[in-house]
């Protein structure tokens, strides 16, 4: 019930506003310097593009009211037909633009949209209005007056409708207006203000009907320099200054030299210059948008090329290193098999070495598989308990001899994350594997590996700390390169940390290392706060 009452109230207010504008337009006909303004026409065109056919009854009622305001005492069928001109013009504007141009509402965000609006939603509808004007009783078929009214309508509708429809958008689904603010840089505001002061000075000195072209040239220059938004602004200023300002009584003493605007030549010149300046502004804005898009596309292409170059380099290194790391254990196994045939006494020792070579080969193949899965995987975030992930990884390393000598400790202030479980597990697995492999070997050393998680103001941090060999400073900036080994005693393939870094990148984070040679290392995984369960939106 309440929305219906609100709709009726808004309709009544709109009707009252139209009637008021019709009365004001009637009063303006007696002003010598005025444009032949009929303001309800522009309001009808703008409102129907915002609200659709719902405004037609209001426009029909206002057409009849206008007849009464203009002194018609007896409404004949012909006059009733003529009173439909507002609704007919608005309906033609809406249908032509929405159906032929196939645009639900004039966005005016491109040159094509602007030209479509001017031709289909303004020029043709006011030409239809000229048919009505020709049949008005007080016109008496005077084509000069019809042309004057056509140009007056065009000069009124073009700057006002363009500004309103470009700045304000009506969303029919939410029934709310949104607004595109006309933000100008400081130098643009200064220039617009300076041009406005110049125009005001010119209007006080030079007759408008003789020097109207100065305003058009000024508007075109502003449009060429600053684009469509500035063009809309300067044309509104020209309209207000030369067509509305003279209507006020206080302006009369200032406008002795203004001259009448009720000349076809003046109207035609100003209409052409106004249209050209707006079109120039729209084209300039389109070119700037295109330039910005080209720069963005170039940056994207450069980034893609850089990534492709990096991928090609990594592929070359991968093929070279993979072939070496695959063939080395196989050659070792082949050599040991040959030795076994020659020396049957030490077969258990050779079998153990063969087993070690097989383990190296299996480890490398698993790393290659992890690399392949990580590079191709699309992240699928899910609730991931950190303690459970750690225990799963730890269970995979239990068979290693070194694990029994290490003291593992968990300190989890953050107990779970919303993250791709596979990517996190791959990263932590490689980091823990390194922490285990590169512990000190002497018997007096008590090895430990700590796994911590905590939250800061900006991010979530996972830490893996060990007190192993550590990493020399000169090697630390290369640790995450593909196939790079950080120590001389390294037995791995050099893929582990690279895979860990790629996995965390895909999860939206990064890895950094802090290490002191001989003292141990701390690897930190930095993740966004969005990975916390309370912050994530599924």
Protein backbone atom coordinates (compact mmCIF):
# COMPACT_ATOMS: atom_id res chain seq x y z
CA UNK A 1 0.00 0.00 0.00
CA UNK A 2 2.80 2.40 0.96
CA UNK A 3 4.74 2.04 -2.35
CA UNK A 4 1.48 2.78 -4.24
CA UNK A 5 0.89 5.97 -2.23
CA UNK A 6 4.49 7.02 -2.79
CA UNK A 7 4.12 6.40 -6.54
CA UNK A 8 0.90 8.50 -6.66
CA UNK A 9 2.59 11.30 -4.67
CA UNK A 10 5.58 11.34 -7.02
CA UNK A 11 3.26 11.35 -10.03
CA UNK A 12 1.34 14.32 -8.66
CA UNK A 13 4.57 16.21 -7.95
CA UNK A 14 5.79 15.49 -11.48
CA UNK A 15 2.46 16.71 -12.90
CA UNK A 16 2.66 19.90 -10.83
CA UNK A 17 6.25 20.51 -12.02
CA UNK A 18 5.21 20.13 -15.66
CA UNK A 19 2.29 22.52 -15.27
CA UNK A 20 4.60 25.04 -13.59
CA UNK A 21 7.10 24.75 -16.44
CA UNK A 22 4.30 25.17 -18.98
CA UNK A 23 3.17 28.37 -17.23
CA UNK A 24 6.76 29.69 -17.03
CA UNK A 25 7.24 28.96 -20.76
CA UNK A 26 4.05 30.92 -21.52
CA UNK A 27 5.27 33.91 -19.51
CA UNK A 28 8.63 33.85 -21.31
CA UNK A 29 7.01 34.46 -24.70
CA UNK A 30 6.68 38.15 -23.84
CA UNK A 31 10.43 38.58 -23.26
CA UNK A 32 12.11 40.15 -26.29
CA UNK A 33 15.52 38.59 -25.82
CA UNK A 34 14.29 35.13 -24.87
CA UNK A 35 14.67 31.90 -26.73
CA UNK A 36 11.23 30.51 -27.61
CA UNK A 37 11.49 28.11 -24.71
CA UNK A 38 9.02 25.31 -24.11
CA UNK A 39 10.53 23.56 -21.11
CA UNK A 40 8.03 20.65 -20.69
CA UNK A 41 9.26 19.22 -24.01
CA UNK A 42 12.80 18.63 -22.74
CA UNK A 43 11.45 17.30 -19.41
CA UNK A 44 9.21 14.88 -21.28
CA UNK A 45 12.10 13.51 -23.38
CA UNK A 46 14.41 13.10 -20.38
CA UNK A 47 11.75 11.57 -18.11
CA UNK A 48 10.57 8.98 -20.66
CA UNK A 49 14.15 7.78 -21.16
CA UNK A 50 14.42 7.40 -17.38
CA UNK A 51 11.01 5.99 -16.46
CA UNK A 52 9.54 4.65 -19.71
CA UNK A 53 5.93 4.81 -20.90
CA UNK A 54 4.58 5.50 -17.37
CA UNK A 55 5.06 9.26 -17.86
CA UNK A 56 2.80 9.41 -20.96
CA UNK A 57 -0.50 10.04 -19.08
CA UNK A 58 1.14 12.92 -17.23
CA UNK A 59 2.40 14.42 -20.48
CA UNK A 60 -1.07 14.12 -22.07
CA UNK A 61 -2.68 15.89 -19.12
CA UNK A 62 -0.04 18.62 -19.27
CA UNK A 63 -0.70 19.11 -23.00
CA UNK A 64 -4.38 19.91 -22.29
CA UNK A 65 -3.42 22.14 -19.33
CA UNK A 66 -0.98 24.06 -21.56
CA UNK A 67 -3.81 24.81 -24.00
CA UNK A 68 -5.85 26.30 -21.15
CA UNK A 69 -2.87 28.34 -19.93
CA UNK A 70 -2.42 29.76 -23.44
CA UNK A 71 -6.00 31.05 -23.37
CA UNK A 72 -7.89 28.32 -25.27
CA UNK A 73 -11.44 28.47 -23.91
CA UNK A 74 -13.02 25.85 -26.13
CA UNK A 75 -11.17 22.60 -26.80
CA UNK A 76 -12.16 21.36 -30.22
CA UNK A 77 -11.15 17.87 -31.45
CA UNK A 78 -8.35 19.49 -33.48
CA UNK A 79 -6.98 21.30 -30.41
CA UNK A 80 -7.21 18.11 -28.33
CA UNK A 81 -5.18 16.35 -31.03
CA UNK A 82 -2.61 19.16 -31.00
CA UNK A 83 -2.38 18.92 -27.18
CA UNK A 84 -0.85 15.44 -27.58
CA UNK A 85 2.36 16.90 -28.99
CA UNK A 86 4.38 16.53 -25.73
CA UNK A 87 3.46 12.87 -25.34
CA UNK A 88 3.99 12.19 -29.07
CA UNK A 89 7.46 13.77 -29.07
CA UNK A 90 8.53 11.91 -25.91
CA UNK A 91 7.13 8.59 -27.15
CA UNK A 92 8.84 8.99 -30.55
CA UNK A 93 12.15 9.84 -28.84
CA UNK A 94 11.94 6.77 -26.60
CA UNK A 95 10.78 4.27 -29.23
CA UNK A 96 13.17 5.41 -31.96
CA UNK A 97 16.21 5.27 -29.70
CA UNK A 98 15.38 2.10 -27.76
CA UNK A 99 14.07 0.08 -30.73
CA UNK A 100 16.18 1.25 -33.68
CA UNK A 101 19.35 1.91 -31.72
CA UNK A 102 18.63 -1.07 -29.45
CA UNK A 103 19.80 0.73 -26.33
CA UNK A 104 17.53 0.66 -23.23
CA UNK A 105 18.67 4.13 -22.20
CA UNK A 106 21.01 6.77 -23.66
CA UNK A 107 24.39 6.25 -22.01
CA UNK A 108 26.09 8.84 -24.25
CA UNK A 109 29.37 7.13 -23.41
CA UNK A 110 30.49 6.80 -27.03
CA UNK A 111 30.31 8.90 -30.20
CA UNK A 112 27.93 6.33 -31.70
CA UNK A 113 25.58 6.59 -28.71
CA UNK A 114 25.69 10.41 -28.78
CA UNK A 115 25.00 10.60 -32.54
CA UNK A 116 22.21 8.04 -32.19
CA UNK A 117 20.62 10.07 -29.41
CA UNK A 118 20.81 13.39 -31.29
CA UNK A 119 19.46 11.98 -34.56
CA UNK A 120 16.85 9.51 -33.28
CA UNK A 121 15.84 10.93 -29.89
CA UNK A 122 16.05 14.67 -30.62
CA UNK A 123 16.05 15.65 -34.31
CA UNK A 124 13.29 13.32 -35.56
CA UNK A 125 10.93 13.84 -32.55
CA UNK A 126 11.15 17.66 -32.70
CA UNK A 127 10.61 17.43 -36.45
CA UNK A 128 7.40 15.59 -35.56
CA UNK A 129 6.62 18.43 -33.17
CA UNK A 130 6.99 20.86 -36.08
CA UNK A 131 3.96 19.20 -37.71
CA UNK A 132 1.97 20.08 -34.60
CA UNK A 133 3.44 23.61 -34.53
CA UNK A 134 2.45 24.19 -38.17
CA UNK A 135 -1.16 23.48 -37.24
CA UNK A 136 -1.26 25.79 -34.20
CA UNK A 137 -3.78 28.57 -34.70
CA UNK A 138 -1.41 31.43 -33.89
CA UNK A 139 1.27 30.13 -36.29
CA UNK A 140 -1.08 30.21 -39.29
CA UNK A 141 1.19 28.06 -41.43
CA UNK A 142 4.15 30.44 -41.21
CA UNK A 143 7.14 28.22 -42.08
CA UNK A 144 9.65 30.76 -40.77
CA UNK A 145 8.05 30.53 -37.35
CA UNK A 146 7.94 26.74 -37.60
CA UNK A 147 11.69 26.70 -38.36
CA UNK A 148 12.31 29.12 -35.47
CA UNK A 149 10.42 26.88 -33.07
CA UNK A 150 12.29 23.79 -34.36
CA UNK A 151 15.66 25.44 -33.72
CA UNK A 152 14.48 26.73 -30.34
CA UNK A 153 13.48 23.21 -29.30
CA UNK A 154 16.81 21.81 -30.51
CA UNK A 155 18.84 24.46 -28.64
CA UNK A 156 16.85 23.83 -25.47
CA UNK A 157 16.79 20.04 -25.56
CA UNK A 158 20.37 19.34 -26.70
CA UNK A 159 22.40 20.86 -23.82
CA UNK A 160 19.89 20.12 -21.04
CA UNK A 161 18.91 16.59 -22.05
CA UNK A 162 22.52 15.62 -22.83
CA UNK A 163 23.69 16.82 -19.42
CA UNK A 164 20.86 15.17 -17.45
CA UNK A 165 20.97 11.82 -19.27
CA UNK A 166 24.77 11.64 -19.16
CA UNK A 167 25.13 12.53 -15.48
CA UNK A 168 22.05 10.80 -13.99
CA UNK A 169 21.15 7.15 -14.60
CA UNK A 170 17.91 5.56 -13.43
CA UNK A 171 17.94 1.86 -12.50
CA UNK A 172 14.45 0.51 -13.10
CA UNK A 173 15.14 -2.65 -11.05
CA UNK A 174 16.06 -0.74 -7.86
CA UNK A 175 14.06 2.39 -8.83
CA UNK A 176 16.99 4.55 -7.79
CA UNK A 177 19.17 7.14 -9.47
CA UNK A 178 22.92 6.84 -9.76
CA UNK A 179 25.14 9.76 -10.63
CA UNK A 180 28.30 10.18 -12.69
CA UNK A 181 30.13 13.07 -11.01
CA UNK A 182 31.81 15.51 -13.40
CA UNK A 183 35.23 15.59 -11.75
CA UNK A 184 37.65 18.09 -13.26
CA UNK A 185 41.30 18.64 -12.53
CA UNK A 186 42.23 21.99 -11.05
CA UNK A 187 43.58 23.39 -14.32
CA UNK A 188 40.34 22.41 -16.13
CA UNK A 189 38.22 24.19 -13.48
CA UNK A 190 40.40 27.30 -13.78
CA UNK A 191 40.09 27.28 -17.56
CA UNK A 192 36.31 26.78 -17.48
CA UNK A 193 35.98 29.62 -14.98
CA UNK A 194 38.17 31.86 -17.15
CA UNK A 195 36.18 31.08 -20.30
CA UNK A 196 32.91 31.75 -18.40
CA UNK A 197 34.18 35.15 -17.25
CA UNK A 198 35.22 35.91 -20.82
CA UNK A 199 31.78 34.94 -22.13
CA UNK A 200 30.07 37.11 -19.53
CA UNK A 201 32.27 40.05 -20.54
CA UNK A 202 31.50 39.47 -24.21
CA UNK A 203 27.76 39.33 -23.54
CA UNK A 204 27.95 42.81 -21.94
CA UNK A 205 29.92 44.33 -24.81
CA UNK A 206 29.02 42.66 -28.09
CA UNK A 207 25.52 42.01 -29.50
CA UNK A 208 24.81 38.29 -29.35
CA UNK A 209 22.93 38.27 -32.66
CA UNK A 210 26.09 39.51 -34.44
CA UNK A 211 28.89 37.78 -32.51
CA UNK A 212 27.24 34.50 -31.48
CA UNK A 213 29.96 32.47 -33.26
CA UNK A 214 32.54 33.51 -30.62
CA UNK A 215 30.74 31.34 -28.07
CA UNK A 216 30.69 28.38 -30.46
CA UNK A 217 34.42 28.71 -31.17
CA UNK A 218 35.18 28.93 -27.44
CA UNK A 219 33.05 25.85 -26.72
CA UNK A 220 34.77 23.87 -29.50
CA UNK A 221 38.24 24.78 -28.19
CA UNK A 222 37.29 23.72 -24.65
CA UNK A 223 35.82 20.46 -26.00
CA UNK A 224 38.94 19.76 -28.04
CA UNK A 225 41.16 20.27 -25.00
CA UNK A 226 39.21 18.52 -22.25
CA UNK A 227 36.59 16.19 -23.75
CA UNK A 228 32.90 15.48 -23.32
CA UNK A 229 32.34 16.39 -19.67
CA UNK A 230 33.89 19.84 -20.18
CA UNK A 231 31.90 20.22 -23.42
CA UNK A 232 28.62 19.55 -21.57
CA UNK A 233 29.58 22.07 -18.89
CA UNK A 234 30.59 24.89 -21.26
CA UNK A 235 27.49 24.46 -23.44
CA UNK A 236 25.24 24.64 -20.37
CA UNK A 237 27.05 27.83 -19.37
CA UNK A 238 26.47 29.30 -22.86
CA UNK A 239 22.80 28.29 -22.76
CA UNK A 240 22.25 29.80 -19.31
CA UNK A 241 24.19 32.96 -20.15
CA UNK A 242 22.66 33.77 -23.54
CA UNK A 243 19.22 32.20 -23.37
CA UNK A 244 18.13 32.14 -19.71
CA UNK A 245 20.01 35.05 -18.13
CA UNK A 246 18.31 37.64 -20.39
CA UNK A 247 14.91 36.52 -19.10
CA UNK A 248 15.43 38.08 -15.69
CA UNK A 249 14.50 41.71 -15.06
CA UNK A 250 17.75 42.55 -13.27
CA UNK A 251 19.68 41.58 -16.41
CA UNK A 252 17.95 44.09 -18.69
CA UNK A 253 20.19 47.11 -17.87
CA UNK A 254 23.26 44.95 -18.50
CA UNK A 255 22.10 43.64 -21.86
CA UNK A 256 21.60 46.85 -23.84
CA UNK A 257 23.82 45.47 -26.59
CA UNK A 258 22.72 41.85 -26.29
CA UNK A 259 20.43 41.82 -29.30
CA UNK A 260 17.53 39.50 -29.94
CA UNK A 261 18.04 35.74 -30.23
CA UNK A 262 14.85 35.29 -32.22
CA UNK A 263 16.56 35.01 -35.59
CA UNK A 264 16.74 31.84 -37.65
CA UNK A 265 20.36 32.56 -38.66
CA UNK A 266 21.44 32.99 -35.02
CA UNK A 267 19.59 29.85 -33.95
CA UNK A 268 20.94 27.80 -36.83
CA UNK A 269 24.52 28.94 -36.20
CA UNK A 270 24.36 28.31 -32.46
CA UNK A 271 22.62 24.95 -32.90
CA UNK A 272 25.35 23.85 -35.34
CA UNK A 273 28.20 25.07 -33.13
CA UNK A 274 26.66 23.51 -30.03
CA UNK A 275 26.24 20.15 -31.74
CA UNK A 276 29.76 20.28 -33.23
CA UNK A 277 31.38 21.19 -29.91
CA UNK A 278 29.56 18.35 -28.10
CA UNK A 279 30.52 15.89 -30.87
CA UNK A 280 34.14 17.05 -30.73
CA UNK A 281 34.14 16.60 -26.96
CA UNK A 282 32.67 13.10 -27.30
CA UNK A 283 35.25 12.11 -29.96
CA UNK A 284 38.11 13.48 -27.85
CA UNK A 285 36.89 11.50 -24.82
CA UNK A 286 36.53 8.38 -26.98
CA UNK A 287 40.08 8.80 -28.26
CA UNK A 288 41.38 9.18 -24.71
CA UNK A 289 39.47 6.08 -23.59
CA UNK A 290 40.83 4.18 -26.61
CA UNK A 291 44.35 5.41 -25.82
CA UNK A 292 43.97 4.31 -22.20
CA UNK A 293 42.66 0.91 -23.31
CA UNK A 294 45.55 0.53 -25.77
CA UNK A 295 48.04 1.32 -23.02
CA UNK A 296 46.32 -1.19 -20.76
CA UNK A 297 46.33 -3.81 -23.52
CA UNK A 298 49.98 -3.10 -24.30
CA UNK A 299 50.87 -3.50 -20.63
CA UNK A 300 48.91 -6.77 -20.57
CA UNK A 301 50.61 -8.00 -23.76
CA UNK A 302 54.03 -7.01 -22.36
CA UNK A 303 53.20 -8.90 -19.18
CA UNK A 304 52.07 -11.96 -21.16
CA UNK A 305 55.22 -11.81 -23.30
CA UNK A 306 57.33 -11.55 -20.16
CA UNK A 307 55.52 -14.54 -18.67
CA UNK A 308 55.95 -16.50 -21.92
CA UNK A 309 59.64 -15.67 -22.02
CA UNK A 310 59.98 -16.76 -18.42
CA UNK A 311 58.02 -19.94 -19.14
CA UNK A 312 60.21 -20.74 -22.15
CA UNK A 313 63.37 -20.21 -20.12
CA UNK A 314 62.03 -22.38 -17.33
CA UNK A 315 60.98 -25.03 -19.83
CA UNK A 316 64.47 -25.12 -21.33
CA UNK A 317 66.02 -25.40 -17.89
CA UNK A 318 63.44 -27.96 -16.86
CA UNK A 319 64.11 -30.22 -19.87
CA UNK A 320 67.87 -29.98 -19.38
CA UNK A 321 67.84 -30.54 -15.61
CA UNK A 322 65.06 -33.12 -15.68
CA UNK A 323 66.91 -35.23 -18.25
CA UNK A 324 70.03 -35.08 -16.06
CA UNK A 325 68.21 -35.83 -12.79
CA UNK A 326 66.31 -38.70 -14.39
CA UNK A 327 69.31 -40.26 -16.08
CA UNK A 328 71.76 -39.97 -13.14
CA UNK A 329 69.93 -42.44 -10.82
CA UNK A 330 69.31 -44.81 -13.75
CA UNK A 331 72.99 -44.79 -14.70
CA UNK A 332 73.88 -45.37 -11.06
CA UNK A 333 71.48 -48.34 -10.87
CA UNK A 334 72.84 -49.74 -14.14
CA UNK A 335 76.41 -49.45 -12.86
CA UNK A 336 75.56 -51.09 -9.55
CA UNK A 337 73.81 -53.99 -11.33
CA UNK A 338 76.97 -54.53 -13.40
CA UNK A 339 79.13 -54.50 -10.23
CA UNK A 340 76.77 -57.00 -8.56
CA UNK A 341 77.39 -59.42 -11.39
CA UNK A 342 81.15 -59.11 -10.93
CA UNK A 343 81.25 -59.00 -7.11
CA UNK A 344 78.72 -61.36 -5.57
CA UNK A 345 80.10 -60.97 -2.03
CA UNK A 346 78.85 -57.41 -1.43
CA UNK A 347 75.41 -57.68 -3.03
CA UNK A 348 73.48 -56.38 0.09
CA UNK A 349 75.55 -53.19 0.10
CA UNK A 350 74.96 -52.69 -3.63
CA UNK A 351 71.25 -53.36 -3.25
CA UNK A 352 71.07 -50.66 -0.56
CA UNK A 353 72.71 -48.19 -2.93
CA UNK A 354 70.33 -49.24 -5.69
CA UNK A 355 67.46 -48.63 -3.29
CA UNK A 356 68.79 -45.15 -2.52
CA UNK A 357 69.01 -44.37 -6.24
CA UNK A 358 65.45 -45.59 -6.73
CA UNK A 359 64.29 -43.35 -3.85
CA UNK A 360 66.04 -40.35 -5.45
CA UNK A 361 64.38 -41.13 -8.75
CA UNK A 362 60.97 -41.56 -7.10
CA UNK A 363 61.39 -38.30 -5.17
CA UNK A 364 62.26 -36.41 -8.34
CA UNK A 365 59.30 -37.90 -10.23
CA UNK A 366 56.98 -36.87 -7.35
CA UNK A 367 58.38 -33.31 -7.49
CA UNK A 368 57.80 -33.16 -11.24
CA UNK A 369 54.22 -34.34 -10.70
CA UNK A 370 53.73 -31.72 -7.97
CA UNK A 371 55.11 -29.06 -10.32
CA UNK A 372 52.74 -30.15 -13.10
CA UNK A 373 49.68 -30.23 -10.83
CA UNK A 374 50.55 -26.88 -9.23
CA UNK A 375 51.07 -25.08 -12.54
CA UNK A 376 47.78 -26.38 -14.01
CA UNK A 377 45.57 -26.19 -10.93
CA UNK A 378 42.83 -23.60 -10.51
CA UNK A 379 42.62 -22.74 -6.79
CA UNK A 380 39.51 -24.05 -5.00
CA UNK A 381 39.50 -22.50 -1.50
CA UNK A 382 38.05 -24.62 1.30
CA UNK A 383 38.27 -24.78 5.09
CA UNK A 384 41.71 -26.28 5.83
CA UNK A 385 42.78 -27.15 9.43
CA UNK A 386 46.52 -26.43 9.72
CA UNK A 387 47.25 -29.08 12.35
CA UNK A 388 45.68 -31.77 10.18
CA UNK A 389 47.73 -30.68 7.16
CA UNK A 390 50.93 -30.71 9.24
CA UNK A 391 50.24 -34.21 10.58
CA UNK A 392 49.53 -35.54 7.08
CA UNK A 393 52.85 -34.15 5.82
CA UNK A 394 54.73 -35.41 8.90
CA UNK A 395 53.39 -38.93 8.36
CA UNK A 396 54.95 -38.95 4.86
CA UNK A 397 58.41 -38.30 6.34
CA UNK A 398 58.24 -40.72 9.27
CA UNK A 399 60.23 -43.38 7.43
CA UNK A 400 63.24 -41.04 7.06
CA UNK A 401 66.04 -41.78 9.51
CA UNK A 402 66.62 -38.10 10.38
CA UNK A 403 62.99 -37.49 11.47
CA UNK A 404 63.33 -39.45 14.70
CA UNK A 405 66.13 -37.10 15.82
CA UNK A 406 64.10 -33.91 15.32
CA UNK A 407 61.86 -32.23 17.89
CA UNK A 408 58.72 -30.96 16.11
CA UNK A 409 56.66 -28.26 17.80
CA UNK A 410 53.39 -26.61 16.76
CA UNK A 411 52.30 -23.13 17.86
CA UNK A 412 49.07 -22.37 16.02
CA UNK A 413 47.36 -19.08 16.88
CA UNK A 414 45.51 -19.39 13.58
CA UNK A 415 44.15 -22.93 13.48
CA UNK A 416 42.42 -23.00 10.07
CA UNK A 417 42.41 -21.15 6.76
CA UNK A 418 40.15 -20.84 3.74
CA UNK A 419 42.66 -21.89 1.09
CA UNK A 420 43.27 -24.48 -1.59
CA UNK A 421 44.31 -27.50 0.48
CA UNK A 422 46.48 -29.07 -2.24
CA UNK A 423 48.49 -25.87 -2.87
CA UNK A 424 49.09 -25.30 0.85
CA UNK A 425 50.06 -28.95 1.38
CA UNK A 426 52.51 -28.89 -1.53
CA UNK A 427 54.16 -25.70 -0.23
CA UNK A 428 54.41 -26.84 3.41
CA UNK A 429 55.59 -30.30 2.35
CA UNK A 430 58.55 -28.86 0.44
CA UNK A 431 59.45 -26.42 3.21
CA UNK A 432 59.30 -29.13 5.90
CA UNK A 433 61.25 -31.52 3.69
CA UNK A 434 64.06 -28.96 3.41
CA UNK A 435 64.00 -28.31 7.17
CA UNK A 436 64.43 -32.06 7.75
CA UNK A 437 67.10 -32.66 5.08
CA UNK A 438 69.44 -29.86 6.06
CA UNK A 439 69.74 -30.48 9.79
CA UNK A 440 73.23 -30.67 11.30
CA UNK A 441 74.60 -34.19 11.51
CA UNK A 442 76.87 -34.12 14.59
CA UNK A 443 75.61 -36.04 17.60
CA UNK A 444 75.69 -33.15 20.11
CA UNK A 445 73.20 -31.13 18.07
CA UNK A 446 69.55 -31.22 19.16
CA UNK A 447 67.53 -30.59 16.00
CA UNK A 448 64.14 -28.87 16.08
CA UNK A 449 61.52 -27.72 13.57
CA UNK A 450 58.84 -25.26 14.72
CA UNK A 451 55.61 -24.63 12.81
CA UNK A 452 53.82 -21.41 13.81
CA UNK A 453 50.77 -19.52 12.57
CA UNK A 454 49.63 -16.05 13.61
CA UNK A 455 47.80 -12.98 12.39
CA UNK A 456 48.97 -9.37 12.00
CA UNK A 457 46.96 -6.28 11.06
CA UNK A 458 47.70 -6.83 7.37
CA UNK A 459 48.07 -10.58 6.83
CA UNK A 460 48.25 -14.15 8.08
CA UNK A 461 51.73 -15.63 8.52
CA UNK A 462 52.83 -19.27 8.61
CA UNK A 463 56.39 -19.89 9.84
CA UNK A 464 58.63 -22.94 9.55
CA UNK A 465 61.77 -22.51 11.65
CA UNK A 466 64.70 -24.93 11.88
CA UNK A 467 68.11 -24.84 13.52
CA UNK A 468 69.91 -26.64 10.71
CA UNK A 469 72.76 -25.66 8.46
CA UNK A 470 71.28 -22.36 7.32
CA UNK A 471 71.93 -20.67 3.98
CA UNK A 472 74.81 -18.44 3.03
CA UNK A 473 73.72 -14.83 2.27
CA UNK A 474 74.95 -14.90 -1.35
CA UNK A 475 72.62 -17.81 -2.14
CA UNK A 476 69.45 -16.55 -0.50
CA UNK A 477 68.16 -14.44 -3.41
CA UNK A 478 68.34 -17.47 -5.75
CA UNK A 479 66.68 -20.02 -3.48
CA UNK A 480 63.33 -19.97 -5.28
CA UNK A 481 64.80 -20.34 -8.78
CA UNK A 482 64.02 -23.55 -10.62
CA UNK A 483 66.64 -26.31 -10.05
CA UNK A 484 68.74 -24.14 -7.74
CA UNK A 485 70.48 -25.92 -4.84
CA UNK A 486 71.30 -23.70 -1.89
CA UNK A 487 74.08 -25.79 -0.29
CA UNK A 488 76.93 -27.96 -1.47
CA UNK A 489 75.47 -30.91 0.46
CA UNK A 490 72.11 -30.63 -1.25
CA UNK A 491 70.79 -33.95 -2.50
CA UNK A 492 67.52 -32.69 -3.90
CA UNK A 493 66.59 -31.65 -7.41
CA UNK A 494 66.29 -27.92 -6.69
CA UNK A 495 62.58 -27.96 -7.58
CA UNK A 496 61.12 -28.00 -4.07
CA UNK A 497 61.31 -24.31 -3.11
CA UNK A 498 60.36 -23.22 -6.62
CA UNK A 499 57.21 -25.39 -6.45
CA UNK A 500 56.44 -24.05 -2.94
CA UNK A 501 56.69 -20.47 -4.18
CA UNK A 502 54.46 -21.11 -7.21
CA UNK A 503 51.85 -22.86 -5.06
CA UNK A 504 51.67 -19.97 -2.57
CA UNK A 505 51.52 -17.41 -5.41
CA UNK A 506 48.48 -19.23 -6.76
CA UNK A 507 46.94 -19.11 -3.28
CA UNK A 508 47.40 -15.31 -3.26
CA UNK A 509 50.45 -15.13 -1.00
CA UNK A 510 54.24 -14.99 -1.03
CA UNK A 511 57.19 -16.68 0.69
CA UNK A 512 60.24 -15.01 2.19
CA UNK A 513 63.28 -16.49 3.92
CA UNK A 514 65.45 -15.34 6.82
CA UNK A 515 68.57 -17.41 7.38
CA UNK A 516 71.94 -17.27 9.12
CA UNK A 517 74.68 -19.61 8.01
CA UNK A 518 75.32 -22.25 10.66
CA UNK A 519 72.34 -21.18 12.80
CA UNK A 520 69.23 -22.21 10.84
CA UNK A 521 66.47 -20.74 8.70
CA UNK A 522 62.96 -19.32 8.99
CA UNK A 523 60.62 -19.55 6.00
CA UNK A 524 57.54 -17.32 6.24
CA UNK A 525 54.41 -17.72 4.15
CA UNK A 526 52.46 -14.45 3.94
CA UNK A 527 48.75 -14.84 3.12
CA UNK A 528 45.97 -12.21 2.85
CA UNK A 529 43.53 -11.73 5.74
CA UNK A 530 40.79 -12.94 3.39
CA UNK A 531 42.06 -16.50 3.99
CA UNK A 532 40.79 -16.33 7.58
CA UNK A 533 37.46 -18.18 7.89
CA UNK A 534 35.70 -15.13 9.34
CA UNK A 535 36.76 -12.87 6.45
CA UNK A 536 36.12 -15.18 3.50
CA UNK A 537 32.96 -14.91 1.42
CA UNK A 538 31.97 -18.07 -0.43
